[in-house]
Amino acid sequence: MEKALSGVRVLDVTYYVPGPFAGMRLAELGADVIKVEPPTGDPSRRMGGGLVHRAHNAGKQIVQLDLKSESGKREMLELVCGADALIETFRPGVMKKLGLDYESVKKYKGDIVYCSLSGYGQAGKLAHLGSHDLNYLALSGALDQLRNKDGRPVHPTNTLADYTGGLLASEQILAALIRKFRTGEGAYLDIALAQVMAEFLPNHDAYMKAGVSAHGVPEIGGRRISYAIYETQDGRFVALGALEEKFWSNFCELAERPEWLSWGECAPDTPEHGEVAAFFKSKSWHAWYQLSLVHDCCLSPVLTAGERHQHPFFLGRARGAITSEMS
């Protein structure tokens, strides 16, 4: 089956995670992605013995060019002439110094879709500052929403802004490619990771402006025992998302506790919450795991990253399983 982006060529001039992830998603959709690295390679090759590099560059052709040299720049421009899109993640101004910024490149390929993916965008007070995922989460307001019981922001072990930014970059590139193929016009995309994370908080903005809540939708913010995380008998955890009445009813049926039916909206740290928490602690995590597979009450085990590969859902869906048939 021919993939959606077959025949589309993308130049991936990026390092570490956000740009390479965006390029890999386009490669999974069938694009011919050429990753341009310096002679010393993408710095992520030296992270975890190369694990970070291998995780985000599958399906790409990798070439090494010294873009600071005349020969390297010449080879790069030759690649540009045959490309539909280009992604770069240098600090603002670097590609211009190399003579490979959008204005320079479009002289060689007028309909190029050119995406600059950075922390704080190409202009403004923060544009030239160094930063990483934790900075984008902090500045966007996203980190403030992830707090423990003591009110302290939780330090994520995943680079949420990097992946979200890479995902949005691939989305924007796809939209620009559609426009390009319909009109023949290229595009310049300026994507800032901090802004991307902020755009994932529309619920929070709406509730805050209405004076209802400073922490998003109250019903899913840890204020109901029907939508909460519970500890199991063996010190592990499960997530209950029985927000709707029918799912809470199904959970009460599973628990054989009809007297709980009116408790769904009860708050944490109440006697009702204590009873439900004790019920979850009465069974092992594995027992709850098995129950989650057959009972329709929005119950899920909290899996480790490694355990997910053995869960029936993921066993049945390989990476890139979101596909479409093309006639």
C-alpha atoms as a PDB file:
ATOM      1  CA  MET A   1       0.000   0.000   0.000  1.00  0.00           C
ATOM      2  CA  GLU A   2       1.397   3.375  -0.993  1.00  0.00           C
ATOM      3  CA  LYS A   3       1.763   5.716   1.970  1.00  0.00           C
ATOM      4  CA  ALA A   4       0.272   9.198   2.031  1.00  0.00           C
ATOM      5  CA  LEU A   5       3.576  11.079   1.659  1.00  0.00           C
ATOM      6  CA  SER A   6       5.201   8.861  -0.946  1.00  0.00           C
ATOM      7  CA  GLY A   7       7.162  11.075  -3.337  1.00  0.00           C
ATOM      8  CA  VAL A   8       7.553  13.915  -0.830  1.00  0.00           C
ATOM      9  CA  ARG A   9      11.136  14.782   0.151  1.00  0.00           C
ATOM     10  CA  VAL A  10      11.975  16.438   3.482  1.00  0.00           C
ATOM     11  CA  LEU A  11      15.338  17.767   4.650  1.00  0.00           C
ATOM     12  CA  ASP A  12      15.769  17.255   8.375  1.00  0.00           C
ATOM     13  CA  VAL A  13      18.481  19.625   9.642  1.00  0.00           C
ATOM     14  CA  THR A  14      17.799  19.070  13.336  1.00  0.00           C
ATOM     15  CA  TYR A  15      19.352  17.708  16.534  1.00  0.00           C
ATOM     16  CA  TYR A  16      18.259  15.933  19.711  1.00  0.00           C
ATOM     17  CA  VAL A  17      14.473  15.293  19.997  1.00  0.00           C
ATOM     18  CA  PRO A  18      11.815  17.769  18.693  1.00  0.00           C
ATOM     19  CA  GLY A  19      12.992  18.132  15.086  1.00  0.00           C
ATOM     20  CA  PRO A  20      14.103  14.514  14.631  1.00  0.00           C
ATOM     21  CA  PHE A  21      10.753  13.342  16.050  1.00  0.00           C
ATOM     22  CA  ALA A  22       8.879  15.554  13.577  1.00  0.00           C
ATOM     23  CA  GLY A  23      11.002  14.230  10.722  1.00  0.00           C
ATOM     24  CA  MET A  24      10.494  10.624  11.801  1.00  0.00           C
ATOM     25  CA  ARG A  25       6.717  11.054  11.858  1.00  0.00           C
ATOM     26  CA  LEU A  26       6.852  12.342   8.281  1.00  0.00           C
ATOM     27  CA  ALA A  27       9.057   9.377   7.328  1.00  0.00           C
ATOM     28  CA  GLU A  28       6.502   7.004   8.862  1.00  0.00           C
ATOM     29  CA  LEU A  29       3.900   8.573   6.574  1.00  0.00           C
ATOM     30  CA  GLY A  30       6.050   7.725   3.575  1.00  0.00           C
ATOM     31  CA  ALA A  31       8.159  10.855   3.054  1.00  0.00           C
ATOM     32  CA  ASP A  32      11.732  10.518   1.840  1.00  0.00           C
ATOM     33  CA  VAL A  33      13.479  12.171   4.779  1.00  0.00           C
ATOM     34  CA  ILE A  34      17.154  13.092   4.450  1.00  0.00           C
ATOM     35  CA  LYS A  35      18.736  13.990   7.775  1.00  0.00           C
ATOM     36  CA  VAL A  36      21.652  16.373   7.411  1.00  0.00           C
ATOM     37  CA  GLU A  37      24.207  16.087  10.215  1.00  0.00           C
ATOM     38  CA  PRO A  38      27.609  17.722  10.757  1.00  0.00           C
ATOM     39  CA  PRO A  39      30.753  15.606  10.250  1.00  0.00           C
ATOM     40  CA  THR A  40      30.747  14.878  13.994  1.00  0.00           C
ATOM     41  CA  GLY A  41      27.133  13.719  13.841  1.00  0.00           C
ATOM     42  CA  ASP A  42      23.999  14.777  15.684  1.00  0.00           C
ATOM     43  CA  PRO A  43      25.001  15.348  19.351  1.00  0.00           C
ATOM     44  CA  SER A  44      22.253  12.896  20.368  1.00  0.00           C
ATOM     45  CA  ARG A  45      24.498  10.108  19.045  1.00  0.00           C
ATOM     46  CA  ARG A  46      26.498  10.606  22.235  1.00  0.00           C
ATOM     47  CA  MET A  47      23.500  10.375  24.551  1.00  0.00           C
ATOM     48  CA  GLY A  48      22.924   6.971  26.097  1.00  0.00           C
ATOM     49  CA  GLY A  49      25.409   5.403  23.748  1.00  0.00           C
ATOM     50  CA  GLY A  50      23.373   6.550  20.752  1.00  0.00           C
ATOM     51  CA  LEU A  51      19.985   5.449  22.103  1.00  0.00           C
ATOM     52  CA  VAL A  52      18.436   8.916  21.803  1.00  0.00           C
ATOM     53  CA  HIS A  53      19.537   9.170  18.182  1.00  0.00           C
ATOM     54  CA  ARG A  54      18.226   5.734  17.240  1.00  0.00           C
ATOM     55  CA  ALA A  55      14.883   6.425  18.914  1.00  0.00           C
ATOM     56  CA  HIS A  56      14.070   9.410  16.676  1.00  0.00           C
ATOM     57  CA  ASN A  57      15.635   8.804  13.289  1.00  0.00           C
ATOM     58  CA  ALA A  58      14.172   5.584  11.972  1.00  0.00           C
ATOM     59  CA  GLY A  59      13.397   5.513   8.274  1.00  0.00           C
ATOM     60  CA  LYS A  60      15.712   8.394   7.333  1.00  0.00           C
ATOM     61  CA  GLN A  61      18.672   8.635   5.011  1.00  0.00           C
ATOM     62  CA  ILE A  62      21.516  10.325   6.910  1.00  0.00           C
ATOM     63  CA  VAL A  63      24.190  12.420   5.207  1.00  0.00           C
ATOM     64  CA  GLN A  64      27.009  14.338   6.855  1.00  0.00           C
ATOM     65  CA  LEU A  65      27.808  17.827   5.591  1.00  0.00           C
ATOM     66  CA  ASP A  66      29.961  20.636   6.912  1.00  0.00           C
ATOM     67  CA  LEU A  67      27.556  23.518   6.334  1.00  0.00           C
ATOM     68  CA  LYS A  68      30.276  26.007   7.282  1.00  0.00           C
ATOM     69  CA  SER A  69      32.341  24.994   4.250  1.00  0.00           C
ATOM     70  CA  GLU A  70      31.664  26.077   0.681  1.00  0.00           C
ATOM     71  CA  SER A  71      31.465  22.487  -0.521  1.00  0.00           C
ATOM     72  CA  GLY A  72      29.056  21.539   2.260  1.00  0.00           C
ATOM     73  CA  LYS A  73      26.827  24.509   1.576  1.00  0.00           C
ATOM     74  CA  ARG A  74      26.867  23.703  -2.145  1.00  0.00           C
ATOM     75  CA  GLU A  75      25.807  20.104  -1.498  1.00  0.00           C
ATOM     76  CA  MET A  76      23.105  21.336   0.844  1.00  0.00           C
ATOM     77  CA  LEU A  77      21.667  23.670  -1.773  1.00  0.00           C
ATOM     78  CA  GLU A  78      21.653  20.797  -4.258  1.00  0.00           C
ATOM     79  CA  LEU A  79      19.517  18.853  -1.786  1.00  0.00           C
ATOM     80  CA  VAL A  80      17.267  21.894  -1.324  1.00  0.00           C
ATOM     81  CA  CYS A  81      16.531  22.006  -5.049  1.00  0.00           C
ATOM     82  CA  GLY A  82      14.972  18.553  -4.859  1.00  0.00           C
ATOM     83  CA  ALA A  83      13.133  19.004  -1.564  1.00  0.00           C
ATOM     84  CA  ASP A  84       9.549  19.848  -0.695  1.00  0.00           C
ATOM     85  CA  ALA A  85      10.176  20.806   2.923  1.00  0.00           C
ATOM     86  CA  LEU A  86      12.996  21.600   5.335  1.00  0.00           C
ATOM     87  CA  ILE A  87      13.047  21.488   9.152  1.00  0.00           C
ATOM     88  CA  GLU A  88      15.768  23.191  11.196  1.00  0.00           C
ATOM     89  CA  THR A  89      16.306  23.611  14.937  1.00  0.00           C
ATOM     90  CA  PHE A  90      19.290  25.941  15.197  1.00  0.00           C
ATOM     91  CA  ARG A  91      19.187  29.044  17.370  1.00  0.00           C
ATOM     92  CA  PRO A  92      17.722  32.083  15.582  1.00  0.00           C
ATOM     93  CA  GLY A  93      20.192  33.619  13.151  1.00  0.00           C
ATOM     94  CA  VAL A  94      22.425  30.574  12.693  1.00  0.00           C
ATOM     95  CA  MET A  95      20.923  29.469   9.385  1.00  0.00           C
ATOM     96  CA  LYS A  96      21.134  33.040   8.106  1.00  0.00           C
ATOM     97  CA  LYS A  97      24.869  33.131   8.909  1.00  0.00           C
ATOM     98  CA  LEU A  98      25.230  29.919   6.946  1.00  0.00           C
ATOM     99  CA  GLY A  99      23.311  31.404   4.012  1.00  0.00           C
ATOM    100  CA  LEU A 100      20.621  28.739   4.450  1.00  0.00           C
ATOM    101  CA  ASP A 101      17.763  30.717   5.986  1.00  0.00           C
ATOM    102  CA  TYR A 102      14.335  30.792   4.345  1.00  0.00           C
ATOM    103  CA  GLU A 103      14.932  33.927   2.287  1.00  0.00           C
ATOM    104  CA  SER A 104      18.182  32.481   0.912  1.00  0.00           C
ATOM    105  CA  VAL A 105      16.845  28.966   0.332  1.00  0.00           C
ATOM    106  CA  LYS A 106      13.693  30.007  -1.506  1.00  0.00           C
ATOM    107  CA  LYS A 107      15.864  31.589  -4.185  1.00  0.00           C
ATOM    108  CA  TYR A 108      16.816  28.023  -5.105  1.00  0.00           C
ATOM    109  CA  LYS A 109      13.445  26.391  -4.344  1.00  0.00           C
ATOM    110  CA  GLY A 110      10.653  28.933  -4.427  1.00  0.00           C
ATOM    111  CA  ASP A 111       7.941  26.587  -3.175  1.00  0.00           C
ATOM    112  CA  ILE A 112       9.882  25.167  -0.227  1.00  0.00           C
ATOM    113  CA  VAL A 113       8.022  24.645   3.059  1.00  0.00           C
ATOM    114  CA  TYR A 114      10.567  25.818   5.629  1.00  0.00           C
ATOM    115  CA  CYS A 115      10.023  25.109   9.324  1.00  0.00           C
ATOM    116  CA  SER A 116      12.113  26.683  12.098  1.00  0.00           C
ATOM    117  CA  LEU A 117      11.490  24.861  15.370  1.00  0.00           C
ATOM    118  CA  SER A 118      12.984  26.511  18.461  1.00  0.00           C
ATOM    119  CA  GLY A 119      12.364  27.114  22.136  1.00  0.00           C
ATOM    120  CA  TYR A 120      11.111  30.683  22.044  1.00  0.00           C
ATOM    121  CA  GLY A 121      10.653  31.478  18.364  1.00  0.00           C
ATOM    122  CA  GLN A 122      12.746  33.549  15.983  1.00  0.00           C
ATOM    123  CA  ALA A 123      12.149  36.983  17.556  1.00  0.00           C
ATOM    124  CA  GLY A 124      11.556  38.516  20.966  1.00  0.00           C
ATOM    125  CA  LYS A 125      13.434  38.941  24.243  1.00  0.00           C
ATOM    126  CA  LEU A 126      13.954  35.215  24.853  1.00  0.00           C
ATOM    127  CA  ALA A 127      14.680  34.108  21.299  1.00  0.00           C
ATOM    128  CA  HIS A 128      18.454  33.752  21.743  1.00  0.00           C
ATOM    129  CA  LEU A 129      18.412  32.213  25.215  1.00  0.00           C
ATOM    130  CA  GLY A 130      19.375  28.592  25.771  1.00  0.00           C
ATOM    131  CA  SER A 131      16.597  26.395  27.140  1.00  0.00           C
ATOM    132  CA  HIS A 132      15.335  22.849  27.500  1.00  0.00           C
ATOM    133  CA  ASP A 133      12.087  20.955  27.969  1.00  0.00           C
ATOM    134  CA  LEU A 134      11.703  21.787  31.655  1.00  0.00           C
ATOM    135  CA  ASN A 135      11.992  25.512  30.821  1.00  0.00           C
ATOM    136  CA  TYR A 136       9.191  25.325  28.251  1.00  0.00           C
ATOM    137  CA  LEU A 137       6.927  23.455  30.657  1.00  0.00           C
ATOM    138  CA  ALA A 138       7.625  26.007  33.382  1.00  0.00           C
ATOM    139  CA  LEU A 139       7.092  29.106  31.243  1.00  0.00           C
ATOM    140  CA  SER A 140       3.963  27.831  29.486  1.00  0.00           C
ATOM    141  CA  GLY A 141       2.028  27.171  32.693  1.00  0.00           C
ATOM    142  CA  ALA A 142       1.927  23.435  32.008  1.00  0.00           C
ATOM    143  CA  LEU A 143       4.315  22.499  34.823  1.00  0.00           C
ATOM    144  CA  ASP A 144       2.212  24.404  37.358  1.00  0.00           C
ATOM    145  CA  GLN A 145      -0.667  22.026  36.586  1.00  0.00           C
ATOM    146  CA  LEU A 146       1.380  18.963  37.563  1.00  0.00           C
ATOM    147  CA  ARG A 147       1.604  19.186  41.344  1.00  0.00           C
ATOM    148  CA  ASN A 148       1.872  16.598  44.109  1.00  0.00           C
ATOM    149  CA  LYS A 149      -0.189  16.618  47.297  1.00  0.00           C
ATOM    150  CA  ASP A 150       2.210  19.099  48.858  1.00  0.00           C
ATOM    151  CA  GLY A 151       1.669  21.551  46.011  1.00  0.00           C
ATOM    152  CA  ARG A 152       5.146  21.080  44.572  1.00  0.00           C
ATOM    153  CA  PRO A 153       5.455  20.838  40.758  1.00  0.00           C
ATOM    154  CA  VAL A 154       6.274  17.290  39.693  1.00  0.00           C
ATOM    155  CA  HIS A 155       9.468  16.861  37.681  1.00  0.00           C
ATOM    156  CA  PRO A 156       8.519  14.884  34.529  1.00  0.00           C
ATOM    157  CA  THR A 157      10.814  12.113  33.353  1.00  0.00           C
ATOM    158  CA  ASN A 158       9.734  12.607  29.749  1.00  0.00           C
ATOM    159  CA  THR A 159      10.350  15.593  27.479  1.00  0.00           C
ATOM    160  CA  LEU A 160       6.721  16.544  27.000  1.00  0.00           C
ATOM    161  CA  ALA A 161       7.314  19.864  25.222  1.00  0.00           C
ATOM    162  CA  ASP A 162       9.862  18.328  22.849  1.00  0.00           C
ATOM    163  CA  TYR A 163       7.469  15.645  21.678  1.00  0.00           C
ATOM    164  CA  THR A 164       4.440  17.925  21.591  1.00  0.00           C
ATOM    165  CA  GLY A 165       6.423  20.485  19.601  1.00  0.00           C
ATOM    166  CA  GLY A 166       7.616  17.819  17.178  1.00  0.00           C
ATOM    167  CA  LEU A 167       4.064  16.611  16.738  1.00  0.00           C
ATOM    168  CA  LEU A 168       2.753  20.112  16.032  1.00  0.00           C
ATOM    169  CA  ALA A 169       5.640  20.797  13.651  1.00  0.00           C
ATOM    170  CA  SER A 170       4.758  17.738  11.582  1.00  0.00           C
ATOM    171  CA  GLU A 171       1.101  18.841  11.575  1.00  0.00           C
ATOM    172  CA  GLN A 172       1.976  22.352  10.397  1.00  0.00           C
ATOM    173  CA  ILE A 173       4.335  21.022   7.729  1.00  0.00           C
ATOM    174  CA  LEU A 174       1.604  18.730   6.419  1.00  0.00           C
ATOM    175  CA  ALA A 175      -0.862  21.621   6.223  1.00  0.00           C
ATOM    176  CA  ALA A 176       1.700  23.772   4.402  1.00  0.00           C
ATOM    177  CA  LEU A 177       2.450  20.931   1.979  1.00  0.00           C
ATOM    178  CA  ILE A 178      -1.242  20.641   1.118  1.00  0.00           C
ATOM    179  CA  ARG A 179      -1.308  24.367   0.381  1.00  0.00           C
ATOM    180  CA  LYS A 180       1.905  24.082  -1.642  1.00  0.00           C
ATOM    181  CA  PHE A 181       0.533  21.293  -3.820  1.00  0.00           C
ATOM    182  CA  ARG A 182      -2.731  23.178  -4.341  1.00  0.00           C
ATOM    183  CA  THR A 183      -1.297  26.640  -5.026  1.00  0.00           C
ATOM    184  CA  GLY A 184       2.381  26.147  -5.813  1.00  0.00           C
ATOM    185  CA  GLU A 185       3.338  28.472  -2.951  1.00  0.00           C
ATOM    186  CA  GLY A 186       5.861  27.680  -0.260  1.00  0.00           C
ATOM    187  CA  ALA A 187       5.674  28.739   3.381  1.00  0.00           C
ATOM    188  CA  TYR A 188       7.750  29.719   6.380  1.00  0.00           C
ATOM    189  CA  LEU A 189       6.792  28.243   9.757  1.00  0.00           C
ATOM    190  CA  ASP A 190       8.103  29.680  13.039  1.00  0.00           C
ATOM    191  CA  ILE A 191       7.224  27.222  15.825  1.00  0.00           C
ATOM    192  CA  ALA A 192       8.173  27.870  19.465  1.00  0.00           C
ATOM    193  CA  LEU A 193       8.084  24.961  21.911  1.00  0.00           C
ATOM    194  CA  ALA A 194       7.040  27.156  24.826  1.00  0.00           C
ATOM    195  CA  GLN A 195       4.070  28.468  22.850  1.00  0.00           C
ATOM    196  CA  VAL A 196       3.082  24.961  21.771  1.00  0.00           C
ATOM    197  CA  MET A 197       2.752  23.871  25.404  1.00  0.00           C
ATOM    198  CA  ALA A 198       0.760  26.997  26.257  1.00  0.00           C
ATOM    199  CA  GLU A 199      -1.689  26.187  23.465  1.00  0.00           C
ATOM    200  CA  PHE A 200      -2.541  22.942  25.258  1.00  0.00           C
ATOM    201  CA  LEU A 201      -4.187  24.889  28.093  1.00  0.00           C
ATOM    202  CA  PRO A 202      -7.394  26.298  26.537  1.00  0.00           C
ATOM    203  CA  ASN A 203      -9.562  24.675  29.221  1.00  0.00           C
ATOM    204  CA  HIS A 204      -7.466  26.332  31.908  1.00  0.00           C
ATOM    205  CA  ASP A 205      -7.759  29.725  30.252  1.00  0.00           C
ATOM    206  CA  ALA A 206     -11.532  29.387  29.823  1.00  0.00           C
ATOM    207  CA  TYR A 207     -12.159  28.337  33.432  1.00  0.00           C
ATOM    208  CA  MET A 208      -9.772  30.979  34.776  1.00  0.00           C
ATOM    209  CA  LYS A 209     -11.420  33.807  32.806  1.00  0.00           C
ATOM    210  CA  ALA A 210     -14.821  32.631  34.039  1.00  0.00           C
ATOM    211  CA  GLY A 211     -13.577  32.739  37.625  1.00  0.00           C
ATOM    212  CA  VAL A 212     -14.354  29.073  38.145  1.00  0.00           C
ATOM    213  CA  SER A 213     -10.940  27.478  38.551  1.00  0.00           C
ATOM    214  CA  ALA A 214      -7.241  28.272  38.157  1.00  0.00           C
ATOM    215  CA  HIS A 215      -6.480  24.622  37.479  1.00  0.00           C
ATOM    216  CA  GLY A 216      -8.627  23.659  34.512  1.00  0.00           C
ATOM    217  CA  VAL A 217     -11.718  21.473  34.553  1.00  0.00           C
ATOM    218  CA  PRO A 218     -12.532  20.796  38.242  1.00  0.00           C
ATOM    219  CA  GLU A 219     -14.196  17.446  37.481  1.00  0.00           C
ATOM    220  CA  ILE A 220     -10.919  15.979  36.218  1.00  0.00           C
ATOM    221  CA  GLY A 221      -8.553  17.854  38.524  1.00  0.00           C
ATOM    222  CA  GLY A 222      -8.536  15.387  41.420  1.00  0.00           C
ATOM    223  CA  ARG A 223     -11.659  16.643  43.163  1.00  0.00           C
ATOM    224  CA  ARG A 224     -13.799  13.534  42.623  1.00  0.00           C
ATOM    225  CA  ILE A 225     -13.272  10.027  43.919  1.00  0.00           C
ATOM    226  CA  SER A 226     -14.696   8.690  40.656  1.00  0.00           C
ATOM    227  CA  TYR A 227     -11.777  10.217  38.723  1.00  0.00           C
ATOM    228  CA  ALA A 228      -8.642   9.507  40.683  1.00  0.00           C
ATOM    229  CA  ILE A 229      -5.488   7.452  41.131  1.00  0.00           C
ATOM    230  CA  TYR A 230      -5.533   4.679  43.731  1.00  0.00           C
ATOM    231  CA  GLU A 231      -2.873   2.599  45.410  1.00  0.00           C
ATOM    232  CA  THR A 232      -3.137  -1.184  45.277  1.00  0.00           C
ATOM    233  CA  GLN A 233      -2.388  -3.859  47.863  1.00  0.00           C
ATOM    234  CA  ASP A 234       1.206  -4.188  46.718  1.00  0.00           C
ATOM    235  CA  GLY A 235       2.042  -0.478  46.567  1.00  0.00           C
ATOM    236  CA  ARG A 236       1.375   0.070  42.882  1.00  0.00           C
ATOM    237  CA  PHE A 237      -1.325   2.220  41.302  1.00  0.00           C
ATOM    238  CA  VAL A 238      -4.383   2.160  39.059  1.00  0.00           C
ATOM    239  CA  ALA A 239      -6.315   5.000  37.450  1.00  0.00           C
ATOM    240  CA  LEU A 240     -10.090   5.219  37.701  1.00  0.00           C
ATOM    241  CA  GLY A 241     -11.752   7.517  35.184  1.00  0.00           C
ATOM    242  CA  ALA A 242     -15.413   6.768  35.912  1.00  0.00           C
ATOM    243  CA  LEU A 243     -16.473  10.372  35.364  1.00  0.00           C
ATOM    244  CA  GLU A 244     -19.859   9.635  33.792  1.00  0.00           C
ATOM    245  CA  GLU A 245     -22.650   8.152  35.892  1.00  0.00           C
ATOM    246  CA  LYS A 246     -22.849   4.954  33.833  1.00  0.00           C
ATOM    247  CA  PHE A 247     -19.165   4.164  34.367  1.00  0.00           C
ATOM    248  CA  TRP A 248     -19.336   4.922  38.089  1.00  0.00           C
ATOM    249  CA  SER A 249     -22.389   2.646  38.257  1.00  0.00           C
ATOM    250  CA  ASN A 250     -20.423  -0.104  36.510  1.00  0.00           C
ATOM    251  CA  PHE A 251     -17.598   0.343  39.013  1.00  0.00           C
ATOM    252  CA  CYS A 252     -19.991   0.111  41.954  1.00  0.00           C
ATOM    253  CA  GLU A 253     -21.394  -3.070  40.410  1.00  0.00           C
ATOM    254  CA  LEU A 254     -17.856  -4.479  40.118  1.00  0.00           C
ATOM    255  CA  ALA A 255     -17.243  -3.556  43.768  1.00  0.00           C
ATOM    256  CA  GLU A 256     -20.617  -4.995  44.802  1.00  0.00           C
ATOM    257  CA  ARG A 257     -21.276  -1.762  46.671  1.00  0.00           C
ATOM    258  CA  PRO A 258     -24.665  -0.356  45.530  1.00  0.00           C
ATOM    259  CA  GLU A 259     -24.517   2.082  48.444  1.00  0.00           C
ATOM    260  CA  TRP A 260     -21.656   3.850  46.644  1.00  0.00           C
ATOM    261  CA  LEU A 261     -23.812   4.903  43.678  1.00  0.00           C
ATOM    262  CA  SER A 262     -24.358   8.421  45.048  1.00  0.00           C
ATOM    263  CA  TRP A 263     -20.698   8.934  45.963  1.00  0.00           C
ATOM    264  CA  GLY A 264     -19.218   9.648  42.545  1.00  0.00           C
ATOM    265  CA  GLU A 265     -18.848  13.391  43.137  1.00  0.00           C
ATOM    266  CA  CYS A 266     -17.481  13.060  46.661  1.00  0.00           C
ATOM    267  CA  ALA A 267     -14.144  14.739  47.276  1.00  0.00           C
ATOM    268  CA  PRO A 268     -10.826  13.164  48.272  1.00  0.00           C
ATOM    269  CA  ASP A 269     -10.010  12.860  51.985  1.00  0.00           C
ATOM    270  CA  THR A 270     -13.636  12.171  52.870  1.00  0.00           C
ATOM    271  CA  PRO A 271     -14.933   9.000  54.585  1.00  0.00           C
ATOM    272  CA  GLU A 272     -16.343   7.916  51.211  1.00  0.00           C
ATOM    273  CA  HIS A 273     -12.943   8.309  49.596  1.00  0.00           C
ATOM    274  CA  GLY A 274     -11.410   6.283  52.412  1.00  0.00           C
ATOM    275  CA  GLU A 275     -13.736   3.360  51.730  1.00  0.00           C
ATOM    276  CA  VAL A 276     -13.026   3.369  48.014  1.00  0.00           C
ATOM    277  CA  ALA A 277      -9.274   3.664  48.622  1.00  0.00           C
ATOM    278  CA  ALA A 278      -9.439   0.712  51.046  1.00  0.00           C
ATOM    279  CA  PHE A 279     -11.262  -1.325  48.410  1.00  0.00           C
ATOM    280  CA  PHE A 280      -8.485  -0.713  45.888  1.00  0.00           C
ATOM    281  CA  LYS A 281      -5.924  -1.712  48.496  1.00  0.00           C
ATOM    282  CA  SER A 282      -7.739  -5.008  49.022  1.00  0.00           C
ATOM    283  CA  LYS A 283      -6.467  -6.400  45.714  1.00  0.00           C
ATOM    284  CA  SER A 284      -3.055  -6.660  44.082  1.00  0.00           C
ATOM    285  CA  TRP A 285      -2.081  -4.582  41.092  1.00  0.00           C
ATOM    286  CA  HIS A 286      -2.145  -7.709  38.910  1.00  0.00           C
ATOM    287  CA  ALA A 287      -5.693  -8.478  40.012  1.00  0.00           C
ATOM    288  CA  TRP A 288      -6.793  -4.974  39.070  1.00  0.00           C
ATOM    289  CA  TYR A 289      -4.892  -5.327  35.790  1.00  0.00           C
ATOM    290  CA  GLN A 290      -6.984  -8.381  34.902  1.00  0.00           C
ATOM    291  CA  LEU A 291     -10.231  -6.696  35.951  1.00  0.00           C
ATOM    292  CA  SER A 292      -9.419  -3.652  33.803  1.00  0.00           C
ATOM    293  CA  LEU A 293      -9.437  -5.850  30.706  1.00  0.00           C
ATOM    294  CA  VAL A 294     -13.039  -7.006  31.123  1.00  0.00           C
ATOM    295  CA  HIS A 295     -14.975  -4.442  33.178  1.00  0.00           C
ATOM    296  CA  ASP A 296     -16.271  -1.314  31.424  1.00  0.00           C
ATOM    297  CA  CYS A 297     -15.685   1.235  34.166  1.00  0.00           C
ATOM    298  CA  CYS A 298     -12.750   3.296  32.832  1.00  0.00           C
ATOM    299  CA  LEU A 299     -10.167   1.430  34.905  1.00  0.00           C
ATOM    300  CA  SER A 300      -6.521   1.240  33.831  1.00  0.00           C
ATOM    301  CA  PRO A 301      -3.352  -0.050  35.501  1.00  0.00           C
ATOM    302  CA  VAL A 302      -0.537   2.475  35.814  1.00  0.00           C
ATOM    303  CA  LEU A 303       2.019   0.755  33.609  1.00  0.00           C
ATOM    304  CA  THR A 304       5.740   1.324  33.424  1.00  0.00           C
ATOM    305  CA  ALA A 305       7.138   2.297  30.033  1.00  0.00           C
ATOM    306  CA  GLY A 306       8.423  -1.269  29.635  1.00  0.00           C
ATOM    307  CA  GLU A 307       5.205  -2.983  30.733  1.00  0.00           C
ATOM    308  CA  ARG A 308       3.158  -1.230  28.095  1.00  0.00           C
ATOM    309  CA  HIS A 309       4.794  -3.358  25.405  1.00  0.00           C
ATOM    310  CA  GLN A 310       3.160  -6.456  26.911  1.00  0.00           C
ATOM    311  CA  HIS A 311      -0.310  -4.962  27.341  1.00  0.00           C
ATOM    312  CA  PRO A 312      -2.907  -6.443  24.936  1.00  0.00           C
ATOM    313  CA  PHE A 313      -3.718  -3.020  23.513  1.00  0.00           C
ATOM    314  CA  PHE A 314      -0.152  -2.290  22.434  1.00  0.00           C
ATOM    315  CA  LEU A 315       0.490  -5.877  21.339  1.00  0.00           C
ATOM    316  CA  GLY A 316      -2.277  -5.376  18.811  1.00  0.00           C
ATOM    317  CA  ARG A 317      -1.072  -2.028  17.497  1.00  0.00           C
ATOM    318  CA  ALA A 318       2.418  -1.580  16.092  1.00  0.00           C
ATOM    319  CA  ARG A 319       3.998   1.874  15.950  1.00  0.00           C
ATOM    320  CA  GLY A 320       2.570   3.862  13.062  1.00  0.00           C
ATOM    321  CA  ALA A 321      -0.636   1.810  13.156  1.00  0.00           C
ATOM    322  CA  ILE A 322      -2.702   4.914  12.357  1.00  0.00           C
ATOM    323  CA  THR A 323      -2.879   4.293   8.642  1.00  0.00           C
ATOM    324  CA  SER A 324      -5.234   4.893   5.744  1.00  0.00           C
ATOM    325  CA  GLU A 325      -5.746   2.958   2.587  1.00  0.00           C
ATOM    326  CA  MET A 326      -5.119   4.785  -0.661  1.00  0.00           C
ATOM    327  CA  SER A 327      -6.755   3.594  -3.832  1.00  0.00           C
END
